[in-house]
């Protein structure tokens, strides 16, 4: 048992750091799973191919890169487009949920 995580944070009415650490860890896990699925879903809803670039300017830049766009790392980076936005949104929602759940 780590005393830092189990002791209440001062001036919070008994909120423990372990609640915030749990919310942060679960937010990372959820955003890591949700972000590429959300990206694929939105691309399919607007009728674009999943691995197609968003703008014509990016498409012309991609054609000059050649084989670099076909690498697995590039594909993964493309799928995680918007990850930080999803992570921040999830941190706010799950952070509030965990705090409310701890106080109830």
C-alpha atoms as a PDB file:
ATOM      1  CA  UNK A   1       0.000   0.000   0.000  1.00  0.00           C
ATOM      2  CA  UNK A   2       1.506   3.308  -1.120  1.00  0.00           C
ATOM      3  CA  UNK A   3       0.721   6.015   1.462  1.00  0.00           C
ATOM      4  CA  UNK A   4       0.843   8.797  -1.139  1.00  0.00           C
ATOM      5  CA  UNK A   5      -1.928   7.210  -3.182  1.00  0.00           C
ATOM      6  CA  UNK A   6      -4.159   6.151  -0.300  1.00  0.00           C
ATOM      7  CA  UNK A   7      -3.990   9.356   1.771  1.00  0.00           C
ATOM      8  CA  UNK A   8      -6.627  12.005   1.069  1.00  0.00           C
ATOM      9  CA  UNK A   9      -5.533  15.089  -0.869  1.00  0.00           C
ATOM     10  CA  UNK A  10      -5.795  18.172   1.379  1.00  0.00           C
ATOM     11  CA  UNK A  11      -8.747  20.521   0.833  1.00  0.00           C
ATOM     12  CA  UNK A  12     -10.613  18.093  -1.467  1.00  0.00           C
ATOM     13  CA  UNK A  13     -13.051  16.558   0.995  1.00  0.00           C
ATOM     14  CA  UNK A  14     -11.287  13.180   1.091  1.00  0.00           C
ATOM     15  CA  UNK A  15     -10.389  12.634  -2.558  1.00  0.00           C
ATOM     16  CA  UNK A  16      -7.444  10.230  -2.869  1.00  0.00           C
ATOM     17  CA  UNK A  17      -4.691  10.411  -5.467  1.00  0.00           C
ATOM     18  CA  UNK A  18      -5.355   6.778  -6.384  1.00  0.00           C
ATOM     19  CA  UNK A  19      -8.716   7.829  -7.843  1.00  0.00           C
ATOM     20  CA  UNK A  20      -7.031  10.356 -10.128  1.00  0.00           C
ATOM     21  CA  UNK A  21      -4.282   7.891 -11.124  1.00  0.00           C
ATOM     22  CA  UNK A  22      -6.942   5.284 -11.934  1.00  0.00           C
ATOM     23  CA  UNK A  23      -8.892   7.786 -14.025  1.00  0.00           C
ATOM     24  CA  UNK A  24      -5.744   8.788 -15.910  1.00  0.00           C
ATOM     25  CA  UNK A  25      -4.713   5.176 -16.600  1.00  0.00           C
ATOM     26  CA  UNK A  26      -8.177   4.174 -17.764  1.00  0.00           C
ATOM     27  CA  UNK A  27      -8.328   7.266 -19.999  1.00  0.00           C
ATOM     28  CA  UNK A  28      -5.110   6.257 -21.736  1.00  0.00           C
ATOM     29  CA  UNK A  29      -6.395   2.717 -22.269  1.00  0.00           C
ATOM     30  CA  UNK A  30      -9.766   3.864 -23.574  1.00  0.00           C
ATOM     31  CA  UNK A  31      -8.317   6.525 -25.908  1.00  0.00           C
ATOM     32  CA  UNK A  32      -5.778   4.040 -27.290  1.00  0.00           C
ATOM     33  CA  UNK A  33      -8.597   1.690 -28.263  1.00  0.00           C
ATOM     34  CA  UNK A  34     -11.220   4.283 -29.168  1.00  0.00           C
ATOM     35  CA  UNK A  35      -9.173   6.690 -31.302  1.00  0.00           C
ATOM     36  CA  UNK A  36      -8.461   4.463 -34.336  1.00  0.00           C
ATOM     37  CA  UNK A  37     -11.971   2.989 -34.236  1.00  0.00           C
ATOM     38  CA  UNK A  38     -13.490   6.468 -34.136  1.00  0.00           C
ATOM     39  CA  UNK A  39     -11.242   7.587 -37.008  1.00  0.00           C
ATOM     40  CA  UNK A  40     -12.296   4.635 -39.189  1.00  0.00           C
ATOM     41  CA  UNK A  41     -15.980   5.137 -38.311  1.00  0.00           C
ATOM     42  CA  UNK A  42     -15.908   8.819 -39.226  1.00  0.00           C
ATOM     43  CA  UNK A  43     -14.046   8.167 -42.487  1.00  0.00           C
ATOM     44  CA  UNK A  44     -16.621   5.587 -43.505  1.00  0.00           C
ATOM     45  CA  UNK A  45     -19.507   7.903 -42.566  1.00  0.00           C
ATOM     46  CA  UNK A  46     -18.248  10.720 -44.785  1.00  0.00           C
ATOM     47  CA  UNK A  47     -17.541   8.319 -47.637  1.00  0.00           C
ATOM     48  CA  UNK A  48     -13.749   8.526 -47.759  1.00  0.00           C
ATOM     49  CA  UNK A  49     -11.338   5.660 -47.812  1.00  0.00           C
ATOM     50  CA  UNK A  50      -9.764   4.991 -44.444  1.00  0.00           C
ATOM     51  CA  UNK A  51      -6.148   5.458 -45.518  1.00  0.00           C
ATOM     52  CA  UNK A  52      -6.794   8.409 -47.863  1.00  0.00           C
ATOM     53  CA  UNK A  53      -5.315  11.768 -46.842  1.00  0.00           C
ATOM     54  CA  UNK A  54      -7.711  14.456 -45.661  1.00  0.00           C
ATOM     55  CA  UNK A  55      -6.849  17.286 -48.051  1.00  0.00           C
ATOM     56  CA  UNK A  56      -5.645  17.512 -51.666  1.00  0.00           C
ATOM     57  CA  UNK A  57      -2.507  19.317 -50.480  1.00  0.00           C
ATOM     58  CA  UNK A  58      -1.634  16.384 -48.223  1.00  0.00           C
ATOM     59  CA  UNK A  59      -2.350  13.978 -51.079  1.00  0.00           C
ATOM     60  CA  UNK A  60       0.130  15.753 -53.327  1.00  0.00           C
ATOM     61  CA  UNK A  61       2.735  15.669 -50.551  1.00  0.00           C
ATOM     62  CA  UNK A  62       2.028  11.972 -50.016  1.00  0.00           C
ATOM     63  CA  UNK A  63       2.637  11.191 -53.690  1.00  0.00           C
ATOM     64  CA  UNK A  64       6.102  12.740 -53.457  1.00  0.00           C
ATOM     65  CA  UNK A  65       6.954  10.589 -50.450  1.00  0.00           C
ATOM     66  CA  UNK A  66       6.377   7.396 -52.393  1.00  0.00           C
ATOM     67  CA  UNK A  67       7.107   4.245 -50.440  1.00  0.00           C
ATOM     68  CA  UNK A  68       7.193   6.014 -47.079  1.00  0.00           C
ATOM     69  CA  UNK A  69       3.399   6.310 -47.068  1.00  0.00           C
ATOM     70  CA  UNK A  70       3.044   2.552 -47.470  1.00  0.00           C
ATOM     71  CA  UNK A  71       5.085   1.687 -44.380  1.00  0.00           C
ATOM     72  CA  UNK A  72       3.334   0.120 -41.361  1.00  0.00           C
ATOM     73  CA  UNK A  73       4.452   2.958 -39.083  1.00  0.00           C
ATOM     74  CA  UNK A  74       2.885   5.514 -41.383  1.00  0.00           C
ATOM     75  CA  UNK A  75      -0.358   3.530 -41.404  1.00  0.00           C
ATOM     76  CA  UNK A  76      -0.476   3.408 -37.610  1.00  0.00           C
ATOM     77  CA  UNK A  77       0.289   7.126 -37.346  1.00  0.00           C
ATOM     78  CA  UNK A  78      -2.509   7.789 -39.819  1.00  0.00           C
ATOM     79  CA  UNK A  79      -5.016   5.772 -37.773  1.00  0.00           C
ATOM     80  CA  UNK A  80      -4.115   7.606 -34.564  1.00  0.00           C
ATOM     81  CA  UNK A  81      -4.778  11.008 -36.102  1.00  0.00           C
ATOM     82  CA  UNK A  82      -6.673  12.945 -33.398  1.00  0.00           C
ATOM     83  CA  UNK A  83      -5.436  10.805 -30.490  1.00  0.00           C
ATOM     84  CA  UNK A  84      -4.584  13.733 -28.211  1.00  0.00           C
ATOM     85  CA  UNK A  85      -8.034  15.276 -28.655  1.00  0.00           C
ATOM     86  CA  UNK A  86      -9.648  11.952 -27.822  1.00  0.00           C
ATOM     87  CA  UNK A  87      -7.325  11.531 -24.828  1.00  0.00           C
ATOM     88  CA  UNK A  88      -8.127  14.975 -23.384  1.00  0.00           C
ATOM     89  CA  UNK A  89     -11.852  14.449 -23.852  1.00  0.00           C
ATOM     90  CA  UNK A  90     -11.683  11.023 -22.225  1.00  0.00           C
ATOM     91  CA  UNK A  91      -9.550  12.297 -19.338  1.00  0.00           C
ATOM     92  CA  UNK A  92     -12.136  14.948 -18.547  1.00  0.00           C
ATOM     93  CA  UNK A  93     -15.080  12.582 -18.740  1.00  0.00           C
ATOM     94  CA  UNK A  94     -13.522   9.677 -16.863  1.00  0.00           C
ATOM     95  CA  UNK A  95     -11.852  11.987 -14.346  1.00  0.00           C
ATOM     96  CA  UNK A  96     -15.209  13.485 -13.443  1.00  0.00           C
ATOM     97  CA  UNK A  97     -16.848  10.049 -13.421  1.00  0.00           C
ATOM     98  CA  UNK A  98     -14.224   8.560 -11.082  1.00  0.00           C
ATOM     99  CA  UNK A  99     -14.404  11.549  -8.707  1.00  0.00           C
ATOM    100  CA  UNK A 100     -18.201  11.459  -8.564  1.00  0.00           C
ATOM    101  CA  UNK A 101     -18.143   7.717  -8.068  1.00  0.00           C
ATOM    102  CA  UNK A 102     -15.612   8.034  -5.237  1.00  0.00           C
ATOM    103  CA  UNK A 103     -17.704  10.664  -3.463  1.00  0.00           C
ATOM    104  CA  UNK A 104     -20.944   8.703  -3.729  1.00  0.00           C
END
